[in-house]
Amino acid sequence: MKIAILGAGNMGRALIAGLLSEDPKQSIIAYDKSSAALKKLPKSVAAIAPHRWAEATHRPDAVIIAVKPQDVADSLSWAQNCANFKPLWISIAAGVTLAKLRSILGASARICRVMPNTPALIGQGMSAYALNDKCSIRDGKITESILASCGRTIAVPEKLMNAVTGLSGSGPAYVYLFIEALIEGGVTAGLPLSIARELAIQTVVGSALLAQRSPESPAELKSRVMSPAGTTARGLMALEEGGFKYAVIKAVTSAAARAEELGG
């Protein structure tokens, strides 16, 4: 299978790195309007302008659209002149709907919309995807195999994509803010910055892995850390007094609402 990457920014290069780590012989072509971005491509990836992708020698099975949302239409204008070019189109452009992509690529186009997140840069991403009605079961499997090179995947109806954006798409920023707050709390309590940073990051990493691997719910895991009238109970009470849980829920729903606005 040959894969083309349209856009060689951070996410485009993350997908390339993930694919090559899975199979160093994976056939990949790529393009970016920035010459600086093209210079960062691995030597095994051929930089070929997209108007040539329809040629028999270059024709990919799947095209990953990894450009900024506002650049999608212009970046795909060449495809309208390639009537016989029928790849699986996989878009990771945030907020760009299947309907919008169909209006650009044509009514018969097989299109997948994806919401990845930045941990994909280290192969630990979470990607949700939705297929349009022209896609086959095989197209879903192709999508999953590509996205799995950068982490975990899950299929969702497109109507849930804005909620996905608010949770896992924007979620890393919430986690980084929490880590930042833990570090500052540790320093305020008397820890040196370097020690507070190491403690905070490993606590979040370890807790997330335990939540992932344990059959118990987060609420049950939380209760195991608490003892009656203990330090954890006091700390959790302080978080509730500050509206911590409400603030996180509000962040997810606000980001989801903004994603809907951008998509509209």
C-alpha atoms as a PDB file:
ATOM      1  CA  MET A   1       0.000   0.000   0.000  1.00  0.00           C
ATOM      2  CA  LYS A   2       1.241   3.469  -0.905  1.00  0.00           C
ATOM      3  CA  ILE A   3       0.339   6.412   1.314  1.00  0.00           C
ATOM      4  CA  ALA A   4       0.487  10.120   0.510  1.00  0.00           C
ATOM      5  CA  ILE A   5       0.718  12.828   3.172  1.00  0.00           C
ATOM      6  CA  LEU A   6      -0.549  16.286   2.256  1.00  0.00           C
ATOM      7  CA  GLY A   7       1.042  18.559   4.869  1.00  0.00           C
ATOM      8  CA  ALA A   8       4.349  17.831   6.570  1.00  0.00           C
ATOM      9  CA  GLY A   9       3.843  19.716   9.813  1.00  0.00           C
ATOM     10  CA  ASN A  10       4.029  18.143  13.274  1.00  0.00           C
ATOM     11  CA  MET A  11       1.086  15.775  12.837  1.00  0.00           C
ATOM     12  CA  GLY A  12       1.979  14.858   9.273  1.00  0.00           C
ATOM     13  CA  ARG A  13       5.540  13.999  10.300  1.00  0.00           C
ATOM     14  CA  ALA A  14       4.252  12.116  13.356  1.00  0.00           C
ATOM     15  CA  LEU A  15       2.189   9.873  11.081  1.00  0.00           C
ATOM     16  CA  ILE A  16       5.154   9.363   8.774  1.00  0.00           C
ATOM     17  CA  ALA A  17       7.388   8.432  11.723  1.00  0.00           C
ATOM     18  CA  GLY A  18       4.762   6.039  13.082  1.00  0.00           C
ATOM     19  CA  LEU A  19       4.234   4.340   9.729  1.00  0.00           C
ATOM     20  CA  LEU A  20       7.962   3.895   9.158  1.00  0.00           C
ATOM     21  CA  SER A  21       8.446   2.522  12.664  1.00  0.00           C
ATOM     22  CA  GLU A  22       5.821  -0.114  11.888  1.00  0.00           C
ATOM     23  CA  ASP A  23       7.314  -0.872   8.478  1.00  0.00           C
ATOM     24  CA  PRO A  24      10.582   0.793   7.408  1.00  0.00           C
ATOM     25  CA  LYS A  25       9.781  -0.178   3.806  1.00  0.00           C
ATOM     26  CA  GLN A  26       6.375   1.519   3.805  1.00  0.00           C
ATOM     27  CA  SER A  27       5.917   3.456   0.551  1.00  0.00           C
ATOM     28  CA  ILE A  28       5.188   7.100   1.408  1.00  0.00           C
ATOM     29  CA  ILE A  29       5.102  10.274  -0.664  1.00  0.00           C
ATOM     30  CA  ALA A  30       4.491  13.701   0.812  1.00  0.00           C
ATOM     31  CA  TYR A  31       4.132  17.374   0.041  1.00  0.00           C
ATOM     32  CA  ASP A  32       4.063  20.642   1.937  1.00  0.00           C
ATOM     33  CA  LYS A  33       4.021  24.179   0.573  1.00  0.00           C
ATOM     34  CA  SER A  34       6.829  24.969   3.023  1.00  0.00           C
ATOM     35  CA  SER A  35      10.247  23.973   1.710  1.00  0.00           C
ATOM     36  CA  ALA A  36      11.534  23.977   5.302  1.00  0.00           C
ATOM     37  CA  ALA A  37       8.959  21.317   6.235  1.00  0.00           C
ATOM     38  CA  LEU A  38       9.941  19.186   3.250  1.00  0.00           C
ATOM     39  CA  LYS A  39      13.594  19.258   4.323  1.00  0.00           C
ATOM     40  CA  LYS A  40      12.578  17.561   7.603  1.00  0.00           C
ATOM     41  CA  LEU A  41      11.149  14.496   5.835  1.00  0.00           C
ATOM     42  CA  PRO A  42      12.962  11.159   6.196  1.00  0.00           C
ATOM     43  CA  LYS A  43      15.132  10.261   3.208  1.00  0.00           C
ATOM     44  CA  SER A  44      12.861   7.335   2.332  1.00  0.00           C
ATOM     45  CA  VAL A  45       9.888   9.675   1.803  1.00  0.00           C
ATOM     46  CA  ALA A  46       9.665  11.162  -1.686  1.00  0.00           C
ATOM     47  CA  ALA A  47       8.606  14.808  -1.897  1.00  0.00           C
ATOM     48  CA  ILE A  48       6.242  14.934  -4.870  1.00  0.00           C
ATOM     49  CA  ALA A  49       3.808  17.707  -5.764  1.00  0.00           C
ATOM     50  CA  PRO A  50       0.187  16.537  -5.398  1.00  0.00           C
ATOM     51  CA  HIS A  51      -0.837  17.329  -8.971  1.00  0.00           C
ATOM     52  CA  ARG A  52       1.428  14.408  -9.940  1.00  0.00           C
ATOM     53  CA  TRP A  53      -0.128  11.936  -7.487  1.00  0.00           C
ATOM     54  CA  ALA A  54      -2.670  10.783 -10.067  1.00  0.00           C
ATOM     55  CA  GLU A  55       0.149   9.506 -12.286  1.00  0.00           C
ATOM     56  CA  ALA A  56       0.390   5.706 -12.351  1.00  0.00           C
ATOM     57  CA  THR A  57       3.919   5.665 -10.934  1.00  0.00           C
ATOM     58  CA  HIS A  58       2.969   7.761  -7.892  1.00  0.00           C
ATOM     59  CA  ARG A  59      -0.717   6.972  -7.312  1.00  0.00           C
ATOM     60  CA  PRO A  60      -1.379   6.337  -3.575  1.00  0.00           C
ATOM     61  CA  ASP A  61      -4.029   4.083  -2.082  1.00  0.00           C
ATOM     62  CA  ALA A  62      -4.717   6.583   0.696  1.00  0.00           C
ATOM     63  CA  VAL A  63      -4.153  10.330   1.025  1.00  0.00           C
ATOM     64  CA  ILE A  64      -3.849  11.851   4.487  1.00  0.00           C
ATOM     65  CA  ILE A  65      -4.929  15.496   4.576  1.00  0.00           C
ATOM     66  CA  ALA A  66      -2.785  17.034   7.315  1.00  0.00           C
ATOM     67  CA  VAL A  67      -3.033  20.744   6.526  1.00  0.00           C
ATOM     68  CA  LYS A  68      -4.630  23.518   8.585  1.00  0.00           C
ATOM     69  CA  PRO A  69      -8.444  23.583   8.368  1.00  0.00           C
ATOM     70  CA  GLN A  70      -8.483  26.932   6.574  1.00  0.00           C
ATOM     71  CA  ASP A  71      -6.095  25.565   3.931  1.00  0.00           C
ATOM     72  CA  VAL A  72      -8.035  22.403   3.055  1.00  0.00           C
ATOM     73  CA  ALA A  73      -9.977  23.745   0.071  1.00  0.00           C
ATOM     74  CA  ASP A  74      -6.975  25.366  -1.602  1.00  0.00           C
ATOM     75  CA  SER A  75      -4.736  22.376  -0.867  1.00  0.00           C
ATOM     76  CA  LEU A  76      -7.185  20.020  -2.605  1.00  0.00           C
ATOM     77  CA  SER A  77      -8.072  22.171  -5.611  1.00  0.00           C
ATOM     78  CA  TRP A  78      -5.835  20.038  -7.829  1.00  0.00           C
ATOM     79  CA  ALA A  79      -7.903  16.909  -7.085  1.00  0.00           C
ATOM     80  CA  GLN A  80     -10.917  18.305  -8.920  1.00  0.00           C
ATOM     81  CA  ASN A  81      -9.005  17.892 -12.181  1.00  0.00           C
ATOM     82  CA  CYS A  82      -8.180  14.220 -11.523  1.00  0.00           C
ATOM     83  CA  ALA A  83     -11.401  12.411 -12.379  1.00  0.00           C
ATOM     84  CA  ASN A  84      -9.842   8.937 -12.258  1.00  0.00           C
ATOM     85  CA  PHE A  85      -7.996   9.494  -8.995  1.00  0.00           C
ATOM     86  CA  LYS A  86      -9.955   7.519  -6.364  1.00  0.00           C
ATOM     87  CA  PRO A  87      -7.894   7.070  -3.176  1.00  0.00           C
ATOM     88  CA  LEU A  88      -9.218   6.805   0.351  1.00  0.00           C
ATOM     89  CA  TRP A  89      -9.099  10.366   1.700  1.00  0.00           C
ATOM     90  CA  ILE A  90      -8.228  10.611   5.406  1.00  0.00           C
ATOM     91  CA  SER A  91      -8.545  14.103   6.861  1.00  0.00           C
ATOM     92  CA  ILE A  92      -7.090  15.135  10.225  1.00  0.00           C
ATOM     93  CA  ALA A  93      -8.048  18.790   9.690  1.00  0.00           C
ATOM     94  CA  ALA A  94      -9.932  19.801  12.842  1.00  0.00           C
ATOM     95  CA  GLY A  95     -13.554  20.826  12.377  1.00  0.00           C
ATOM     96  CA  VAL A  96     -13.729  20.089   8.637  1.00  0.00           C
ATOM     97  CA  THR A  97     -16.826  17.944   8.179  1.00  0.00           C
ATOM     98  CA  LEU A  98     -17.382  15.001   5.880  1.00  0.00           C
ATOM     99  CA  ALA A  99     -19.940  17.104   4.015  1.00  0.00           C
ATOM    100  CA  LYS A 100     -17.409  19.878   3.461  1.00  0.00           C
ATOM    101  CA  LEU A 101     -14.791  17.414   2.255  1.00  0.00           C
ATOM    102  CA  ARG A 102     -17.333  15.800  -0.055  1.00  0.00           C
ATOM    103  CA  SER A 103     -18.144  19.194  -1.591  1.00  0.00           C
ATOM    104  CA  ILE A 104     -14.447  19.577  -2.430  1.00  0.00           C
ATOM    105  CA  LEU A 105     -13.597  16.011  -3.460  1.00  0.00           C
ATOM    106  CA  GLY A 106     -16.832  14.950  -5.156  1.00  0.00           C
ATOM    107  CA  ALA A 107     -19.927  12.928  -4.317  1.00  0.00           C
ATOM    108  CA  SER A 108     -18.287   9.557  -4.958  1.00  0.00           C
ATOM    109  CA  ALA A 109     -15.190  10.179  -2.824  1.00  0.00           C
ATOM    110  CA  ARG A 110     -14.373   7.742  -0.017  1.00  0.00           C
ATOM    111  CA  ILE A 111     -13.617   9.994   2.942  1.00  0.00           C
ATOM    112  CA  CYS A 112     -12.617   9.489   6.561  1.00  0.00           C
ATOM    113  CA  ARG A 113     -12.600  12.306   9.111  1.00  0.00           C
ATOM    114  CA  VAL A 114     -10.166  11.913  12.009  1.00  0.00           C
ATOM    115  CA  MET A 115      -9.587  13.740  15.287  1.00  0.00           C
ATOM    116  CA  PRO A 116      -6.100  12.859  16.559  1.00  0.00           C
ATOM    117  CA  ASN A 117      -4.239  14.446  19.468  1.00  0.00           C
ATOM    118  CA  THR A 118      -0.668  15.570  20.063  1.00  0.00           C
ATOM    119  CA  PRO A 119       0.601  12.498  21.996  1.00  0.00           C
ATOM    120  CA  ALA A 120       0.644  10.940  18.517  1.00  0.00           C
ATOM    121  CA  LEU A 121       4.004  12.721  18.238  1.00  0.00           C
ATOM    122  CA  ILE A 122       5.458  10.012  20.523  1.00  0.00           C
ATOM    123  CA  GLY A 123       3.256   7.152  19.351  1.00  0.00           C
ATOM    124  CA  GLN A 124       0.784   7.512  22.232  1.00  0.00           C
ATOM    125  CA  GLY A 125      -2.038   9.332  20.500  1.00  0.00           C
ATOM    126  CA  MET A 126      -5.780   8.805  20.679  1.00  0.00           C
ATOM    127  CA  SER A 127      -7.562   9.105  17.330  1.00  0.00           C
ATOM    128  CA  ALA A 128     -11.289   8.915  16.694  1.00  0.00           C
ATOM    129  CA  TYR A 129     -12.526   8.515  13.136  1.00  0.00           C
ATOM    130  CA  ALA A 130     -15.761   8.591  11.161  1.00  0.00           C
ATOM    131  CA  LEU A 131     -16.279   7.216   7.638  1.00  0.00           C
ATOM    132  CA  ASN A 132     -18.656   8.537   5.021  1.00  0.00           C
ATOM    133  CA  ASP A 133     -21.237   6.311   3.343  1.00  0.00           C
ATOM    134  CA  LYS A 134     -18.993   5.594   0.350  1.00  0.00           C
ATOM    135  CA  CYS A 135     -16.389   3.813   2.478  1.00  0.00           C
ATOM    136  CA  SER A 136     -16.137   0.042   2.766  1.00  0.00           C
ATOM    137  CA  ILE A 137     -15.203  -2.178   5.696  1.00  0.00           C
ATOM    138  CA  ARG A 138     -11.742  -2.426   4.133  1.00  0.00           C
ATOM    139  CA  ASP A 139     -11.441   1.377   4.210  1.00  0.00           C
ATOM    140  CA  GLY A 140     -12.083   1.302   7.943  1.00  0.00           C
ATOM    141  CA  LYS A 141      -9.369  -1.295   8.396  1.00  0.00           C
ATOM    142  CA  ILE A 142      -6.924   0.768   6.319  1.00  0.00           C
ATOM    143  CA  THR A 143      -7.698   3.824   8.438  1.00  0.00           C
ATOM    144  CA  GLU A 144      -7.173   1.929  11.672  1.00  0.00           C
ATOM    145  CA  SER A 145      -3.886   0.427  10.489  1.00  0.00           C
ATOM    146  CA  ILE A 146      -2.553   3.880   9.596  1.00  0.00           C
ATOM    147  CA  LEU A 147      -3.709   5.587  12.794  1.00  0.00           C
ATOM    148  CA  ALA A 148      -2.591   2.679  14.994  1.00  0.00           C
ATOM    149  CA  SER A 149       0.996   3.508  14.051  1.00  0.00           C
ATOM    150  CA  CYS A 150       0.673   6.572  16.296  1.00  0.00           C
ATOM    151  CA  GLY A 151      -1.413   5.180  19.164  1.00  0.00           C
ATOM    152  CA  ARG A 152      -4.949   3.946  19.796  1.00  0.00           C
ATOM    153  CA  THR A 153      -8.015   4.374  17.572  1.00  0.00           C
ATOM    154  CA  ILE A 154     -11.773   4.305  17.963  1.00  0.00           C
ATOM    155  CA  ALA A 155     -14.619   4.602  15.433  1.00  0.00           C
ATOM    156  CA  VAL A 156     -17.440   7.044  16.242  1.00  0.00           C
ATOM    157  CA  PRO A 157     -20.435   8.505  14.400  1.00  0.00           C
ATOM    158  CA  GLU A 158     -19.509  11.886  12.935  1.00  0.00           C
ATOM    159  CA  LYS A 159     -22.094  13.617  15.143  1.00  0.00           C
ATOM    160  CA  LEU A 160     -19.844  12.813  18.126  1.00  0.00           C
ATOM    161  CA  MET A 161     -16.687  14.260  16.577  1.00  0.00           C
ATOM    162  CA  ASN A 162     -17.053  17.676  18.216  1.00  0.00           C
ATOM    163  CA  ALA A 163     -17.358  16.019  21.615  1.00  0.00           C
ATOM    164  CA  VAL A 164     -14.245  13.987  20.811  1.00  0.00           C
ATOM    165  CA  THR A 165     -12.476  17.236  19.958  1.00  0.00           C
ATOM    166  CA  GLY A 166     -13.456  18.765  23.285  1.00  0.00           C
ATOM    167  CA  LEU A 167     -12.254  15.728  25.241  1.00  0.00           C
ATOM    168  CA  SER A 168      -9.277  14.014  23.615  1.00  0.00           C
ATOM    169  CA  GLY A 169      -8.388  16.592  20.977  1.00  0.00           C
ATOM    170  CA  SER A 170      -8.060  19.455  23.462  1.00  0.00           C
ATOM    171  CA  GLY A 171      -7.547  17.170  26.466  1.00  0.00           C
ATOM    172  CA  PRO A 172      -3.732  17.148  26.461  1.00  0.00           C
ATOM    173  CA  ALA A 173      -3.768  20.877  27.211  1.00  0.00           C
ATOM    174  CA  TYR A 174      -5.974  20.273  30.266  1.00  0.00           C
ATOM    175  CA  VAL A 175      -3.572  17.584  31.465  1.00  0.00           C
ATOM    176  CA  TYR A 176      -0.556  19.862  30.987  1.00  0.00           C
ATOM    177  CA  LEU A 177      -2.314  22.572  32.976  1.00  0.00           C
ATOM    178  CA  PHE A 178      -2.986  20.068  35.764  1.00  0.00           C
ATOM    179  CA  ILE A 179       0.665  18.973  35.750  1.00  0.00           C
ATOM    180  CA  GLU A 180       1.731  22.606  35.888  1.00  0.00           C
ATOM    181  CA  ALA A 181      -0.549  23.166  38.876  1.00  0.00           C
ATOM    182  CA  LEU A 182       0.776  20.061  40.650  1.00  0.00           C
ATOM    183  CA  ILE A 183       4.337  21.297  40.191  1.00  0.00           C
ATOM    184  CA  GLU A 184       3.495  24.756  41.499  1.00  0.00           C
ATOM    185  CA  GLY A 185       1.638  23.197  44.421  1.00  0.00           C
ATOM    186  CA  GLY A 186       4.676  21.094  45.261  1.00  0.00           C
ATOM    187  CA  VAL A 187       6.960  24.120  45.131  1.00  0.00           C
ATOM    188  CA  THR A 188       4.540  26.087  47.318  1.00  0.00           C
ATOM    189  CA  ALA A 189       4.586  23.209  49.811  1.00  0.00           C
ATOM    190  CA  GLY A 190       8.391  23.415  49.955  1.00  0.00           C
ATOM    191  CA  LEU A 191       9.748  21.096  47.241  1.00  0.00           C
ATOM    192  CA  PRO A 192      12.581  22.111  44.897  1.00  0.00           C
ATOM    193  CA  LEU A 193      11.280  22.700  41.367  1.00  0.00           C
ATOM    194  CA  SER A 194      13.143  19.759  39.800  1.00  0.00           C
ATOM    195  CA  ILE A 195      11.805  17.313  42.380  1.00  0.00           C
ATOM    196  CA  ALA A 196       8.266  18.701  42.138  1.00  0.00           C
ATOM    197  CA  ARG A 197       8.373  18.322  38.345  1.00  0.00           C
ATOM    198  CA  GLU A 198       9.545  14.706  38.457  1.00  0.00           C
ATOM    199  CA  LEU A 199       6.991  13.783  41.102  1.00  0.00           C
ATOM    200  CA  ALA A 200       4.120  15.485  39.268  1.00  0.00           C
ATOM    201  CA  ILE A 201       4.794  14.037  35.823  1.00  0.00           C
ATOM    202  CA  GLN A 202       5.378  10.468  37.018  1.00  0.00           C
ATOM    203  CA  THR A 203       2.295  10.643  39.242  1.00  0.00           C
ATOM    204  CA  VAL A 204       0.140  11.561  36.244  1.00  0.00           C
ATOM    205  CA  VAL A 205       1.780   8.973  33.968  1.00  0.00           C
ATOM    206  CA  GLY A 206       1.512   6.192  36.554  1.00  0.00           C
ATOM    207  CA  SER A 207      -2.062   7.042  37.497  1.00  0.00           C
ATOM    208  CA  ALA A 208      -3.143   7.086  33.836  1.00  0.00           C
ATOM    209  CA  LEU A 209      -1.530   3.706  33.168  1.00  0.00           C
ATOM    210  CA  LEU A 210      -3.166   2.214  36.268  1.00  0.00           C
ATOM    211  CA  ALA A 211      -6.562   3.575  35.176  1.00  0.00           C
ATOM    212  CA  GLN A 212      -6.013   2.091  31.714  1.00  0.00           C
ATOM    213  CA  ARG A 213      -5.030  -1.353  32.970  1.00  0.00           C
ATOM    214  CA  SER A 214      -7.325  -1.701  35.981  1.00  0.00           C
ATOM    215  CA  PRO A 215     -10.866  -3.123  35.716  1.00  0.00           C
ATOM    216  CA  GLU A 216     -11.914  -0.658  38.430  1.00  0.00           C
ATOM    217  CA  SER A 217     -13.494   2.690  37.603  1.00  0.00           C
ATOM    218  CA  PRO A 218     -11.651   5.968  38.274  1.00  0.00           C
ATOM    219  CA  ALA A 219     -14.009   6.563  41.208  1.00  0.00           C
ATOM    220  CA  GLU A 220     -13.051   3.193  42.728  1.00  0.00           C
ATOM    221  CA  LEU A 221      -9.351   3.843  42.194  1.00  0.00           C
ATOM    222  CA  LYS A 222      -9.741   7.241  43.815  1.00  0.00           C
ATOM    223  CA  SER A 223     -11.372   5.701  46.879  1.00  0.00           C
ATOM    224  CA  ARG A 224      -8.384   3.378  47.305  1.00  0.00           C
ATOM    225  CA  VAL A 225      -6.095   6.368  47.798  1.00  0.00           C
ATOM    226  CA  MET A 226      -8.352   7.888  50.457  1.00  0.00           C
ATOM    227  CA  SER A 227      -8.351   7.040  54.135  1.00  0.00           C
ATOM    228  CA  PRO A 228     -10.852   8.462  56.634  1.00  0.00           C
ATOM    229  CA  ALA A 229      -9.936  12.034  57.595  1.00  0.00           C
ATOM    230  CA  GLY A 230      -6.609  11.601  55.791  1.00  0.00           C
ATOM    231  CA  THR A 231      -4.473  13.816  53.621  1.00  0.00           C
ATOM    232  CA  THR A 232      -6.071  12.764  50.319  1.00  0.00           C
ATOM    233  CA  ALA A 233      -9.570  13.419  51.615  1.00  0.00           C
ATOM    234  CA  ARG A 234      -8.503  16.906  52.666  1.00  0.00           C
ATOM    235  CA  GLY A 235      -6.902  17.560  49.293  1.00  0.00           C
ATOM    236  CA  LEU A 236      -9.944  16.340  47.363  1.00  0.00           C
ATOM    237  CA  MET A 237     -12.187  18.549  49.470  1.00  0.00           C
ATOM    238  CA  ALA A 238     -10.044  21.533  48.500  1.00  0.00           C
ATOM    239  CA  LEU A 239     -10.411  20.626  44.818  1.00  0.00           C
ATOM    240  CA  GLU A 240     -14.178  20.390  45.164  1.00  0.00           C
ATOM    241  CA  GLU A 241     -14.283  23.741  46.953  1.00  0.00           C
ATOM    242  CA  GLY A 242     -12.516  25.174  43.919  1.00  0.00           C
ATOM    243  CA  GLY A 243     -15.012  23.594  41.528  1.00  0.00           C
ATOM    244  CA  PHE A 244     -12.372  21.335  39.976  1.00  0.00           C
ATOM    245  CA  LYS A 245     -14.666  18.692  38.475  1.00  0.00           C
ATOM    246  CA  TYR A 246     -17.135  21.286  37.198  1.00  0.00           C
ATOM    247  CA  ALA A 247     -14.294  23.256  35.602  1.00  0.00           C
ATOM    248  CA  VAL A 248     -13.028  20.189  33.721  1.00  0.00           C
ATOM    249  CA  ILE A 249     -16.527  19.282  32.506  1.00  0.00           C
ATOM    250  CA  LYS A 250     -17.041  22.903  31.434  1.00  0.00           C
ATOM    251  CA  ALA A 251     -13.718  22.873  29.569  1.00  0.00           C
ATOM    252  CA  VAL A 252     -14.700  19.783  27.560  1.00  0.00           C
ATOM    253  CA  THR A 253     -18.179  21.047  26.683  1.00  0.00           C
ATOM    254  CA  SER A 254     -16.928  24.558  25.859  1.00  0.00           C
ATOM    255  CA  ALA A 255     -14.243  23.184  23.559  1.00  0.00           C
ATOM    256  CA  ALA A 256     -16.834  20.915  21.905  1.00  0.00           C
ATOM    257  CA  ALA A 257     -19.113  23.893  21.331  1.00  0.00           C
ATOM    258  CA  ARG A 258     -16.245  25.848  19.793  1.00  0.00           C
ATOM    259  CA  ALA A 259     -15.451  22.914  17.498  1.00  0.00           C
ATOM    260  CA  GLU A 260     -19.044  23.005  16.283  1.00  0.00           C
ATOM    261  CA  GLU A 261     -18.764  26.753  15.620  1.00  0.00           C
ATOM    262  CA  LEU A 262     -15.579  26.256  13.602  1.00  0.00           C
ATOM    263  CA  GLY A 263     -17.122  23.404  11.649  1.00  0.00           C
ATOM    264  CA  GLY A 264     -20.140  25.524  10.822  1.00  0.00           C
END
